[in-house]
Amino acid sequence: MTVQISPSILSADFARLAEEAQAVEGADWLHVDVMDNHFVPNLTLGVPVVESLRKATGIPLDCHLMIEQPDRWAPAYVEAGASSVTFHAEAAAAPVRLAREIRAKGARASMALRPATPVEPYEDLLPELDMLLIMTVEPGFGGQAFLDIMLPKIRRTRELIARHGLQMWLQVDGGVSAETIERCAEAGADVFVAGSAVYGADDPAAAVRALRARAEAAGPH
């Protein structure tokens, strides 16, 4: 498992997004939270901002769609320049078809699960995905406290991935920080979304390096 760090621009200064993207050089991904004020109680940004970000940074974009009707909207994010697109299991009408469409357009397909959504019902879908995202807070707002009760779910998910012999990535998002990233890595996560832990630091790039070091030291070997 290779540790990957994906800083979340939800915690960045939206008036300076291009500069904020450049401030995390060395990150593997730039995590872009798309919220529609329906699936989650917040409204953030959409396709035009993704297109602009794509021109402003060389870091690949990891778009997390916290929106209703992702079957309709997700393909547009690939066309806008996202290299990975995550839709929510709770919102997708036809997750297998959607994952295949995302892949066919040239991006990695990922599915997210809210804290209360179990992974087991989706076991048969795993081969259709490049990544699974376990939310470690309720989606909708940045800066929330990490939910330790999600650690067993991360472990079960890693076991399912191993049982099927898949090369999937396992991402965690929500409350990931220097205090919590080691627990996530020990449980089997290998892609870490960090918002305020990166953008709240004096030196975001140094924060990315520190998080990576902690996860690499703690992860399964």
C-alpha atoms as a PDB file:
ATOM      1  CA  MET A   1       0.000   0.000   0.000  1.00  0.00           C
ATOM      2  CA  THR A   2       1.341   3.401  -1.001  1.00  0.00           C
ATOM      3  CA  VAL A   3       0.300   6.339   1.181  1.00  0.00           C
ATOM      4  CA  GLN A   4      -1.355   9.182  -0.729  1.00  0.00           C
ATOM      5  CA  ILE A   5      -2.307  12.580   0.698  1.00  0.00           C
ATOM      6  CA  SER A   6      -5.215  14.532  -0.771  1.00  0.00           C
ATOM      7  CA  PRO A   7      -5.573  18.050   0.741  1.00  0.00           C
ATOM      8  CA  SER A   8      -9.160  19.283   0.733  1.00  0.00           C
ATOM      9  CA  ILE A   9      -9.740  22.731  -0.703  1.00  0.00           C
ATOM     10  CA  LEU A  10     -12.943  22.921   1.365  1.00  0.00           C
ATOM     11  CA  SER A  11     -10.608  24.289   4.049  1.00  0.00           C
ATOM     12  CA  ALA A  12      -8.725  26.595   1.678  1.00  0.00           C
ATOM     13  CA  ASP A  13      -9.343  30.286   1.021  1.00  0.00           C
ATOM     14  CA  PHE A  14     -11.897  30.228  -1.813  1.00  0.00           C
ATOM     15  CA  ALA A  15     -10.835  33.721  -2.909  1.00  0.00           C
ATOM     16  CA  ARG A  16      -7.314  32.420  -3.597  1.00  0.00           C
ATOM     17  CA  LEU A  17      -7.902  28.893  -4.878  1.00  0.00           C
ATOM     18  CA  ALA A  18      -5.128  28.899  -7.497  1.00  0.00           C
ATOM     19  CA  GLU A  19      -2.543  29.972  -4.895  1.00  0.00           C
ATOM     20  CA  GLU A  20      -3.945  27.535  -2.342  1.00  0.00           C
ATOM     21  CA  ALA A  21      -3.628  24.696  -4.860  1.00  0.00           C
ATOM     22  CA  GLN A  22      -0.011  25.628  -5.464  1.00  0.00           C
ATOM     23  CA  ALA A  23       0.657  25.805  -1.698  1.00  0.00           C
ATOM     24  CA  VAL A  24       0.354  22.005  -1.373  1.00  0.00           C
ATOM     25  CA  GLU A  25       2.974  21.000  -3.949  1.00  0.00           C
ATOM     26  CA  GLY A  26       4.043  17.462  -3.137  1.00  0.00           C
ATOM     27  CA  ALA A  27       0.486  16.290  -2.479  1.00  0.00           C
ATOM     28  CA  ASP A  28      -0.748  13.336  -4.537  1.00  0.00           C
ATOM     29  CA  TRP A  29      -4.213  14.756  -5.172  1.00  0.00           C
ATOM     30  CA  LEU A  30      -6.249  17.892  -4.625  1.00  0.00           C
ATOM     31  CA  HIS A  31      -9.565  16.913  -3.040  1.00  0.00           C
ATOM     32  CA  VAL A  32     -12.474  18.961  -4.383  1.00  0.00           C
ATOM     33  CA  ASP A  33     -15.718  18.760  -2.387  1.00  0.00           C
ATOM     34  CA  VAL A  34     -18.782  19.369  -4.542  1.00  0.00           C
ATOM     35  CA  MET A  35     -21.939  19.957  -2.463  1.00  0.00           C
ATOM     36  CA  ASP A  36     -25.390  20.771  -3.796  1.00  0.00           C
ATOM     37  CA  ASN A  37     -27.309  21.858  -0.658  1.00  0.00           C
ATOM     38  CA  HIS A  38     -29.599  18.843  -1.171  1.00  0.00           C
ATOM     39  CA  PHE A  39     -27.628  15.646  -0.477  1.00  0.00           C
ATOM     40  CA  VAL A  40     -25.739  17.593   2.203  1.00  0.00           C
ATOM     41  CA  PRO A  41     -26.725  20.883   3.897  1.00  0.00           C
ATOM     42  CA  ASN A  42     -24.046  22.989   2.263  1.00  0.00           C
ATOM     43  CA  LEU A  43     -23.335  24.522  -1.134  1.00  0.00           C
ATOM     44  CA  THR A  44     -19.801  24.728  -2.477  1.00  0.00           C
ATOM     45  CA  LEU A  45     -18.585  24.714  -6.045  1.00  0.00           C
ATOM     46  CA  GLY A  46     -19.182  23.046  -9.399  1.00  0.00           C
ATOM     47  CA  VAL A  47     -17.868  22.296 -12.863  1.00  0.00           C
ATOM     48  CA  PRO A  48     -16.539  25.794 -13.760  1.00  0.00           C
ATOM     49  CA  VAL A  49     -14.335  25.902 -10.659  1.00  0.00           C
ATOM     50  CA  VAL A  50     -12.998  22.409 -11.421  1.00  0.00           C
ATOM     51  CA  GLU A  51     -12.142  23.555 -14.948  1.00  0.00           C
ATOM     52  CA  SER A  52     -10.311  26.583 -13.549  1.00  0.00           C
ATOM     53  CA  LEU A  53      -8.432  24.535 -10.967  1.00  0.00           C
ATOM     54  CA  ARG A  54      -7.328  22.091 -13.615  1.00  0.00           C
ATOM     55  CA  LYS A  55      -5.555  24.971 -15.393  1.00  0.00           C
ATOM     56  CA  ALA A  56      -4.058  26.316 -12.157  1.00  0.00           C
ATOM     57  CA  THR A  57      -2.321  23.198 -10.839  1.00  0.00           C
ATOM     58  CA  GLY A  58      -0.500  20.112 -12.003  1.00  0.00           C
ATOM     59  CA  ILE A  59      -1.815  18.112  -9.034  1.00  0.00           C
ATOM     60  CA  PRO A  60      -4.546  15.701 -10.201  1.00  0.00           C
ATOM     61  CA  LEU A  61      -8.050  16.547  -9.020  1.00  0.00           C
ATOM     62  CA  ASP A  62     -10.015  14.145  -6.830  1.00  0.00           C
ATOM     63  CA  CYS A  63     -13.661  15.279  -7.031  1.00  0.00           C
ATOM     64  CA  HIS A  64     -15.950  14.102  -4.235  1.00  0.00           C
ATOM     65  CA  LEU A  65     -19.566  14.585  -5.318  1.00  0.00           C
ATOM     66  CA  MET A  66     -21.819  15.043  -2.300  1.00  0.00           C
ATOM     67  CA  ILE A  67     -24.778  15.630  -4.572  1.00  0.00           C
ATOM     68  CA  GLU A  68     -28.081  14.140  -5.610  1.00  0.00           C
ATOM     69  CA  GLN A  69     -28.336  12.555  -9.081  1.00  0.00           C
ATOM     70  CA  PRO A  70     -24.607  11.826  -9.498  1.00  0.00           C
ATOM     71  CA  ASP A  71     -25.560   9.537 -12.403  1.00  0.00           C
ATOM     72  CA  ARG A  72     -26.517  12.680 -14.292  1.00  0.00           C
ATOM     73  CA  TRP A  73     -23.717  15.021 -13.192  1.00  0.00           C
ATOM     74  CA  ALA A  74     -20.589  12.940 -12.539  1.00  0.00           C
ATOM     75  CA  PRO A  75     -19.479  12.571 -16.187  1.00  0.00           C
ATOM     76  CA  ALA A  76     -19.240  16.365 -16.523  1.00  0.00           C
ATOM     77  CA  TYR A  77     -16.586  16.436 -13.800  1.00  0.00           C
ATOM     78  CA  VAL A  78     -14.406  14.026 -15.761  1.00  0.00           C
ATOM     79  CA  GLU A  79     -14.841  16.257 -18.804  1.00  0.00           C
ATOM     80  CA  ALA A  80     -13.905  19.271 -16.635  1.00  0.00           C
ATOM     81  CA  GLY A  81     -10.573  17.644 -15.823  1.00  0.00           C
ATOM     82  CA  ALA A  82     -11.043  15.465 -12.734  1.00  0.00           C
ATOM     83  CA  SER A  83      -8.723  12.456 -12.629  1.00  0.00           C
ATOM     84  CA  SER A  84     -10.812  10.722  -9.969  1.00  0.00           C
ATOM     85  CA  VAL A  85     -14.556  11.102  -9.355  1.00  0.00           C
ATOM     86  CA  THR A  86     -16.310   9.845  -6.216  1.00  0.00           C
ATOM     87  CA  PHE A  87     -20.078   9.453  -6.033  1.00  0.00           C
ATOM     88  CA  HIS A  88     -22.090   8.473  -2.968  1.00  0.00           C
ATOM     89  CA  ALA A  89     -23.637   5.016  -2.747  1.00  0.00           C
ATOM     90  CA  GLU A  90     -26.666   6.579  -1.063  1.00  0.00           C
ATOM     91  CA  ALA A  91     -27.306   8.900  -4.017  1.00  0.00           C
ATOM     92  CA  ALA A  92     -26.455   6.830  -7.108  1.00  0.00           C
ATOM     93  CA  ALA A  93     -29.338   5.177  -8.943  1.00  0.00           C
ATOM     94  CA  ALA A  94     -27.114   2.780 -10.901  1.00  0.00           C
ATOM     95  CA  PRO A  95     -23.662   2.686  -9.292  1.00  0.00           C
ATOM     96  CA  VAL A  96     -22.154   0.017 -11.546  1.00  0.00           C
ATOM     97  CA  ARG A  97     -23.226   1.800 -14.711  1.00  0.00           C
ATOM     98  CA  LEU A  98     -21.987   5.112 -13.321  1.00  0.00           C
ATOM     99  CA  ALA A  99     -18.600   3.675 -12.298  1.00  0.00           C
ATOM    100  CA  ARG A 100     -18.186   2.196 -15.786  1.00  0.00           C
ATOM    101  CA  GLU A 101     -19.089   5.513 -17.396  1.00  0.00           C
ATOM    102  CA  ILE A 102     -16.546   7.409 -15.257  1.00  0.00           C
ATOM    103  CA  ARG A 103     -13.852   4.881 -16.164  1.00  0.00           C
ATOM    104  CA  ALA A 104     -14.799   4.947 -19.839  1.00  0.00           C
ATOM    105  CA  LYS A 105     -14.276   8.710 -19.853  1.00  0.00           C
ATOM    106  CA  GLY A 106     -10.770   8.218 -18.513  1.00  0.00           C
ATOM    107  CA  ALA A 107     -10.983   8.882 -14.763  1.00  0.00           C
ATOM    108  CA  ARG A 108     -10.744   6.661 -11.713  1.00  0.00           C
ATOM    109  CA  ALA A 109     -14.165   5.659 -10.360  1.00  0.00           C
ATOM    110  CA  SER A 110     -14.752   5.853  -6.627  1.00  0.00           C
ATOM    111  CA  MET A 111     -17.746   5.321  -4.339  1.00  0.00           C
ATOM    112  CA  ALA A 112     -18.257   6.939  -0.934  1.00  0.00           C
ATOM    113  CA  LEU A 113     -20.140   5.623   2.095  1.00  0.00           C
ATOM    114  CA  ARG A 114     -21.586   7.847   4.800  1.00  0.00           C
ATOM    115  CA  PRO A 115     -20.789   6.795   8.389  1.00  0.00           C
ATOM    116  CA  ALA A 116     -24.058   4.880   8.850  1.00  0.00           C
ATOM    117  CA  THR A 117     -23.857   3.061   5.492  1.00  0.00           C
ATOM    118  CA  PRO A 118     -22.384  -0.450   5.815  1.00  0.00           C
ATOM    119  CA  VAL A 119     -19.866  -1.657   3.242  1.00  0.00           C
ATOM    120  CA  GLU A 120     -21.047  -5.287   3.107  1.00  0.00           C
ATOM    121  CA  PRO A 121     -24.079  -4.762   0.796  1.00  0.00           C
ATOM    122  CA  TYR A 122     -21.704  -3.329  -1.824  1.00  0.00           C
ATOM    123  CA  GLU A 123     -19.171  -6.167  -1.744  1.00  0.00           C
ATOM    124  CA  ASP A 124     -20.085  -7.417  -5.223  1.00  0.00           C
ATOM    125  CA  LEU A 125     -19.587  -3.913  -6.681  1.00  0.00           C
ATOM    126  CA  LEU A 126     -15.995  -3.534  -5.500  1.00  0.00           C
ATOM    127  CA  PRO A 127     -14.366  -4.840  -8.709  1.00  0.00           C
ATOM    128  CA  GLU A 128     -16.084  -2.002 -10.607  1.00  0.00           C
ATOM    129  CA  LEU A 129     -14.314   0.627  -8.490  1.00  0.00           C
ATOM    130  CA  ASP A 130     -10.804   2.042  -8.293  1.00  0.00           C
ATOM    131  CA  MET A 131     -11.312   3.448  -4.799  1.00  0.00           C
ATOM    132  CA  LEU A 132     -13.751   3.284  -1.906  1.00  0.00           C
ATOM    133  CA  LEU A 133     -14.168   6.290   0.406  1.00  0.00           C
ATOM    134  CA  ILE A 134     -15.127   5.719   4.032  1.00  0.00           C
ATOM    135  CA  MET A 135     -16.450   8.969   5.493  1.00  0.00           C
ATOM    136  CA  THR A 136     -15.099   9.477   9.013  1.00  0.00           C
ATOM    137  CA  VAL A 137     -17.475  12.399   9.665  1.00  0.00           C
ATOM    138  CA  GLU A 138     -20.980  13.138   8.426  1.00  0.00           C
ATOM    139  CA  PRO A 139     -20.452  14.784   5.020  1.00  0.00           C
ATOM    140  CA  GLY A 140     -21.338  18.420   4.554  1.00  0.00           C
ATOM    141  CA  PHE A 141     -18.901  20.568   6.498  1.00  0.00           C
ATOM    142  CA  GLY A 142     -15.165  20.805   7.049  1.00  0.00           C
ATOM    143  CA  GLY A 143     -13.475  20.954  10.440  1.00  0.00           C
ATOM    144  CA  GLN A 144     -15.495  18.192  12.119  1.00  0.00           C
ATOM    145  CA  ALA A 145     -14.091  15.839  14.734  1.00  0.00           C
ATOM    146  CA  PHE A 146     -12.937  12.397  13.587  1.00  0.00           C
ATOM    147  CA  LEU A 147     -15.333   9.521  14.365  1.00  0.00           C
ATOM    148  CA  ASP A 148     -13.290   6.725  15.971  1.00  0.00           C
ATOM    149  CA  ILE A 149     -16.269   4.394  15.590  1.00  0.00           C
ATOM    150  CA  MET A 150     -15.440   4.226  11.867  1.00  0.00           C
ATOM    151  CA  LEU A 151     -12.124   2.402  12.439  1.00  0.00           C
ATOM    152  CA  PRO A 152     -13.688  -1.105  12.509  1.00  0.00           C
ATOM    153  CA  LYS A 153     -15.472  -0.296   9.239  1.00  0.00           C
ATOM    154  CA  ILE A 154     -12.151   0.705   7.648  1.00  0.00           C
ATOM    155  CA  ARG A 155     -10.666  -2.618   8.801  1.00  0.00           C
ATOM    156  CA  ARG A 156     -13.611  -4.634   7.442  1.00  0.00           C
ATOM    157  CA  THR A 157     -13.365  -2.822   4.127  1.00  0.00           C
ATOM    158  CA  ARG A 158      -9.628  -3.531   3.833  1.00  0.00           C
ATOM    159  CA  GLU A 159     -10.363  -7.215   4.575  1.00  0.00           C
ATOM    160  CA  LEU A 160     -13.017  -7.330   1.836  1.00  0.00           C
ATOM    161  CA  ILE A 161     -10.615  -5.755  -0.660  1.00  0.00           C
ATOM    162  CA  ALA A 162      -7.933  -8.304   0.258  1.00  0.00           C
ATOM    163  CA  ARG A 163     -10.380 -11.217   0.105  1.00  0.00           C
ATOM    164  CA  HIS A 164     -11.236 -10.338  -3.487  1.00  0.00           C
ATOM    165  CA  GLY A 165      -7.600  -9.737  -4.428  1.00  0.00           C
ATOM    166  CA  LEU A 166      -8.359  -6.203  -5.613  1.00  0.00           C
ATOM    167  CA  GLN A 167      -5.897  -3.347  -6.149  1.00  0.00           C
ATOM    168  CA  MET A 168      -8.393  -0.784  -4.866  1.00  0.00           C
ATOM    169  CA  TRP A 169      -7.434   2.280  -2.882  1.00  0.00           C
ATOM    170  CA  LEU A 170      -9.168   2.881   0.446  1.00  0.00           C
ATOM    171  CA  GLN A 171      -9.704   6.569   1.208  1.00  0.00           C
ATOM    172  CA  VAL A 172     -10.750   8.222   4.464  1.00  0.00           C
ATOM    173  CA  ASP A 173     -12.192  11.721   4.691  1.00  0.00           C
ATOM    174  CA  GLY A 174     -13.158  13.701   7.777  1.00  0.00           C
ATOM    175  CA  GLY A 175     -11.175  14.823  10.784  1.00  0.00           C
ATOM    176  CA  VAL A 176      -7.920  13.385   9.410  1.00  0.00           C
ATOM    177  CA  SER A 177      -5.020  15.085  11.178  1.00  0.00           C
ATOM    178  CA  ALA A 178      -1.631  14.407  12.769  1.00  0.00           C
ATOM    179  CA  GLU A 179      -3.588  13.038  15.755  1.00  0.00           C
ATOM    180  CA  THR A 180      -5.799  10.611  13.787  1.00  0.00           C
ATOM    181  CA  ILE A 181      -3.987   9.621  10.568  1.00  0.00           C
ATOM    182  CA  GLU A 182      -1.956   6.859  12.220  1.00  0.00           C
ATOM    183  CA  ARG A 183      -5.115   5.097  13.434  1.00  0.00           C
ATOM    184  CA  CYS A 184      -6.580   5.270   9.928  1.00  0.00           C
ATOM    185  CA  ALA A 185      -3.413   3.850   8.374  1.00  0.00           C
ATOM    186  CA  GLU A 186      -3.233   1.041  10.932  1.00  0.00           C
ATOM    187  CA  ALA A 187      -6.848   0.155  10.073  1.00  0.00           C
ATOM    188  CA  GLY A 188      -5.967  -0.157   6.371  1.00  0.00           C
ATOM    189  CA  ALA A 189      -6.592   3.211   4.714  1.00  0.00           C
ATOM    190  CA  ASP A 190      -4.007   4.347   2.154  1.00  0.00           C
ATOM    191  CA  VAL A 191      -5.488   7.592   0.738  1.00  0.00           C
ATOM    192  CA  PHE A 192      -6.037  10.394   3.252  1.00  0.00           C
ATOM    193  CA  VAL A 193      -8.128  13.529   2.745  1.00  0.00           C
ATOM    194  CA  ALA A 194      -7.007  16.317   5.066  1.00  0.00           C
ATOM    195  CA  GLY A 195      -8.553  19.779   5.098  1.00  0.00           C
ATOM    196  CA  SER A 196      -7.942  21.987   8.108  1.00  0.00           C
ATOM    197  CA  ALA A 197      -4.913  19.875   9.124  1.00  0.00           C
ATOM    198  CA  VAL A 198      -3.229  21.085   5.918  1.00  0.00           C
ATOM    199  CA  TYR A 199      -4.758  24.479   5.160  1.00  0.00           C
ATOM    200  CA  GLY A 200      -4.867  25.508   8.812  1.00  0.00           C
ATOM    201  CA  ALA A 201      -1.104  25.015   9.058  1.00  0.00           C
ATOM    202  CA  ASP A 202       1.426  27.814   8.613  1.00  0.00           C
ATOM    203  CA  ASP A 203       3.138  25.745   5.895  1.00  0.00           C
ATOM    204  CA  PRO A 204       0.611  23.539   4.049  1.00  0.00           C
ATOM    205  CA  ALA A 205       3.278  21.704   2.035  1.00  0.00           C
ATOM    206  CA  ALA A 206       5.158  20.818   5.236  1.00  0.00           C
ATOM    207  CA  ALA A 207       1.883  19.618   6.778  1.00  0.00           C
ATOM    208  CA  VAL A 208       1.393  17.279   3.795  1.00  0.00           C
ATOM    209  CA  ARG A 209       4.902  15.859   4.292  1.00  0.00           C
ATOM    210  CA  ALA A 210       4.333  15.378   8.030  1.00  0.00           C
ATOM    211  CA  LEU A 211       1.003  13.594   7.488  1.00  0.00           C
ATOM    212  CA  ARG A 212       2.583  11.320   4.882  1.00  0.00           C
ATOM    213  CA  ALA A 213       5.421  10.404   7.251  1.00  0.00           C
ATOM    214  CA  ARG A 214       3.015   9.551  10.065  1.00  0.00           C
ATOM    215  CA  ALA A 215       0.828   7.391   7.824  1.00  0.00           C
ATOM    216  CA  GLU A 216       3.800   5.573   6.309  1.00  0.00           C
ATOM    217  CA  ALA A 217       5.195   4.809   9.762  1.00  0.00           C
ATOM    218  CA  ALA A 218       1.849   3.479  11.028  1.00  0.00           C
ATOM    219  CA  GLY A 219       0.436   1.632   8.026  1.00  0.00           C
ATOM    220  CA  PRO A 220       0.423  -2.149   7.464  1.00  0.00           C
ATOM    221  CA  HIS A 221       3.755  -3.492   6.194  1.00  0.00           C
END
